[in-house]
Amino acid sequence: KQWYQRRVAITAGKLGVEKLAGTKEVSDNVFFMKQTVGNACGTVGILHSLLNNSDVIPAGETFNKFKADCLSLDPMERARLLESSEVIANKHAAAASSGQTAAPSADEKVNLHFVAFVCVDGSLYELDGKKEKSTDCDSALIPLL
């Protein structure tokens, strides 16, 4: 949280607060979902990155089907679909257990959080599954990243 507040303060100083308000309309082409599964921010971030770039990154059959199933759903319904996906849960568990450190349990308190930044239709978006919606960061933020 401290890192996020510092980032907002730095960005506000460089761009002006109005740039951070997210007042621009979000493109319909942005894939965004809520994060409802504890300590799954890495998986949600990867899904945000992958499914917003599936035209250049092969997502594979499982994730392409998930995206297609989500098209008519709102961000919370997408989260519920993710919760109920046994296939993605198994992929998440396999990836989490194959790292160099032990993965925290879903209810363990951690002091880290992953988000994704994606460029869609010429605008930069911050996708944080803990927020209510995606944030249009405006293309002016691209040099700061």
Protein backbone atom coordinates (compact mmCIF):
# COMPACT_ATOMS: atom_id res chain seq x y z
CA LYS A 1 0.00 0.00 0.00
CA GLN A 2 2.85 2.35 0.80
CA TRP A 3 4.43 1.71 -2.61
CA TYR A 4 1.12 2.42 -4.34
CA GLN A 5 0.62 5.72 -2.45
CA ARG A 6 4.17 6.77 -3.33
CA ARG A 7 3.58 5.89 -7.01
CA VAL A 8 0.35 7.90 -7.10
CA ALA A 9 2.05 10.89 -5.46
CA ILE A 10 4.97 10.81 -7.91
CA THR A 11 2.67 10.40 -10.91
CA ALA A 12 0.31 13.13 -9.72
CA GLY A 13 3.25 15.51 -9.42
CA LYS A 14 4.40 14.80 -12.97
CA LEU A 15 1.04 14.62 -14.73
CA GLY A 16 -1.46 16.47 -12.60
CA VAL A 17 -4.22 14.87 -10.56
CA GLU A 18 -6.72 15.05 -13.42
CA LYS A 19 -4.67 12.49 -15.36
CA LEU A 20 -5.08 9.96 -12.53
CA ALA A 21 -8.83 10.27 -12.18
CA GLY A 22 -9.52 7.64 -14.82
CA THR A 23 -12.21 9.81 -16.34
CA LYS A 24 -11.63 8.60 -19.88
CA GLU A 25 -13.96 5.93 -21.15
CA VAL A 26 -12.42 2.45 -20.93
CA SER A 27 -12.22 0.62 -24.25
CA ASP A 28 -14.66 -2.27 -24.66
CA ASN A 29 -11.65 -4.28 -25.82
CA VAL A 30 -10.07 -4.28 -22.33
CA PHE A 31 -10.46 -7.64 -20.59
CA PHE A 32 -10.84 -7.03 -16.84
CA MET A 33 -11.92 -9.26 -14.00
CA LYS A 34 -12.11 -8.95 -10.22
CA GLN A 35 -9.82 -10.95 -7.95
CA THR A 36 -11.89 -12.87 -5.44
CA VAL A 37 -9.53 -15.79 -4.77
CA GLY A 38 -7.06 -15.01 -1.98
CA ASN A 39 -3.40 -14.66 -2.95
CA ALA A 40 -4.17 -15.20 -6.63
CA CYS A 41 -3.14 -11.74 -7.77
CA GLY A 42 -0.26 -13.18 -9.80
CA THR A 43 -2.62 -15.48 -11.68
CA VAL A 44 -5.14 -12.68 -12.23
CA GLY A 45 -2.32 -10.39 -13.41
CA ILE A 46 -1.10 -13.02 -15.85
CA LEU A 47 -4.65 -13.54 -17.12
CA HIS A 48 -5.08 -9.78 -17.56
CA SER A 49 -1.78 -9.58 -19.48
CA LEU A 50 -2.36 -12.67 -21.56
CA LEU A 51 -6.02 -12.11 -22.46
CA ASN A 52 -5.44 -8.46 -23.40
CA ASN A 53 -2.63 -9.52 -25.73
CA SER A 54 -4.00 -12.77 -27.14
CA ASP A 55 -3.57 -11.36 -30.65
CA VAL A 56 0.23 -11.48 -30.18
CA ILE A 57 0.70 -14.03 -27.37
CA PRO A 58 -0.78 -17.49 -27.95
CA ALA A 59 -3.07 -18.05 -24.97
CA GLY A 60 -3.79 -21.71 -25.63
CA GLU A 61 -7.08 -23.57 -25.73
CA THR A 62 -7.91 -23.34 -22.01
CA PHE A 63 -7.46 -19.57 -21.75
CA ASN A 64 -9.02 -18.82 -25.14
CA LYS A 65 -12.12 -20.74 -24.03
CA PHE A 66 -12.15 -18.90 -20.69
CA LYS A 67 -11.98 -15.53 -22.48
CA ALA A 68 -14.76 -16.52 -24.88
CA ASP A 69 -16.92 -17.67 -21.96
CA CYS A 70 -16.30 -14.31 -20.24
CA LEU A 71 -17.14 -11.97 -23.11
CA SER A 72 -20.71 -11.22 -22.02
CA LEU A 73 -19.93 -11.24 -18.27
CA ASP A 74 -19.17 -8.35 -15.94
CA PRO A 75 -15.89 -8.34 -13.92
CA MET A 76 -17.44 -10.04 -10.85
CA GLU A 77 -19.10 -12.75 -12.95
CA ARG A 78 -15.74 -13.36 -14.63
CA ALA A 79 -14.20 -13.82 -11.17
CA ARG A 80 -16.88 -16.36 -10.26
CA LEU A 81 -16.19 -18.22 -13.50
CA LEU A 82 -12.49 -18.29 -12.60
CA GLU A 83 -13.35 -19.59 -9.10
CA SER A 84 -15.32 -22.45 -10.63
CA SER A 85 -12.70 -23.42 -13.24
CA GLU A 86 -11.04 -26.61 -12.09
CA VAL A 87 -8.72 -26.59 -15.10
CA ILE A 88 -7.36 -23.11 -14.32
CA ALA A 89 -7.21 -23.91 -10.58
CA ASN A 90 -5.00 -26.91 -11.39
CA LYS A 91 -2.77 -24.80 -13.66
CA HIS A 92 -2.54 -22.15 -10.90
CA ALA A 93 -1.60 -24.77 -8.28
CA ALA A 94 1.02 -26.32 -10.56
CA ALA A 95 2.62 -22.95 -11.32
CA ALA A 96 2.50 -21.83 -7.67
CA SER A 97 4.16 -25.01 -6.44
CA SER A 98 6.90 -25.00 -9.08
CA GLY A 99 8.54 -21.75 -7.97
CA GLN A 100 11.62 -21.28 -5.82
CA THR A 101 9.63 -20.21 -2.77
CA ALA A 102 6.65 -21.75 -1.08
CA ALA A 103 3.34 -20.30 -2.24
CA PRO A 104 1.23 -18.73 0.53
CA SER A 105 -2.13 -20.25 1.35
CA ALA A 106 -5.21 -18.48 0.00
CA ASP A 107 -6.00 -16.96 3.41
CA GLU A 108 -2.43 -16.06 4.47
CA LYS A 109 -1.71 -12.35 4.95
CA VAL A 110 0.92 -11.12 2.50
CA ASN A 111 2.41 -7.69 2.00
CA LEU A 112 2.74 -7.93 -1.79
CA HIS A 113 0.32 -7.48 -4.66
CA PHE A 114 0.58 -7.88 -8.44
CA VAL A 115 -1.24 -5.79 -11.02
CA ALA A 116 -0.95 -5.67 -14.80
CA PHE A 117 -0.38 -2.75 -17.13
CA VAL A 118 -1.58 -3.31 -20.68
CA CYS A 119 -1.82 -1.17 -23.78
CA VAL A 120 -5.18 -1.57 -25.53
CA ASP A 121 -6.36 0.58 -28.45
CA GLY A 122 -3.49 3.02 -27.87
CA SER A 123 -4.18 3.64 -24.17
CA LEU A 124 -2.39 2.32 -21.12
CA TYR A 125 -4.55 0.60 -18.50
CA GLU A 126 -3.80 -0.51 -14.97
CA LEU A 127 -5.64 -3.76 -14.23
CA ASP A 128 -5.88 -4.46 -10.52
CA GLY A 129 -8.35 -7.20 -9.64
CA LYS A 130 -8.82 -5.68 -6.18
CA LYS A 131 -10.24 -2.49 -7.72
CA GLU A 132 -13.76 -2.12 -9.05
CA LYS A 133 -12.69 -1.41 -12.62
CA SER A 134 -9.70 -0.94 -14.85
CA THR A 135 -7.98 2.44 -14.78
CA ASP A 136 -7.09 4.32 -17.94
CA CYS A 137 -3.66 5.67 -17.09
CA ASP A 138 -3.46 7.65 -20.32
CA SER A 139 -0.62 7.21 -22.77
CA ALA A 140 1.34 9.91 -20.95
CA LEU A 141 2.31 7.34 -18.29
CA ILE A 142 4.09 5.03 -20.74
CA PRO A 143 7.45 6.86 -20.42
CA LEU A 144 7.27 6.58 -16.62
CA LEU A 145 7.08 2.79 -16.60
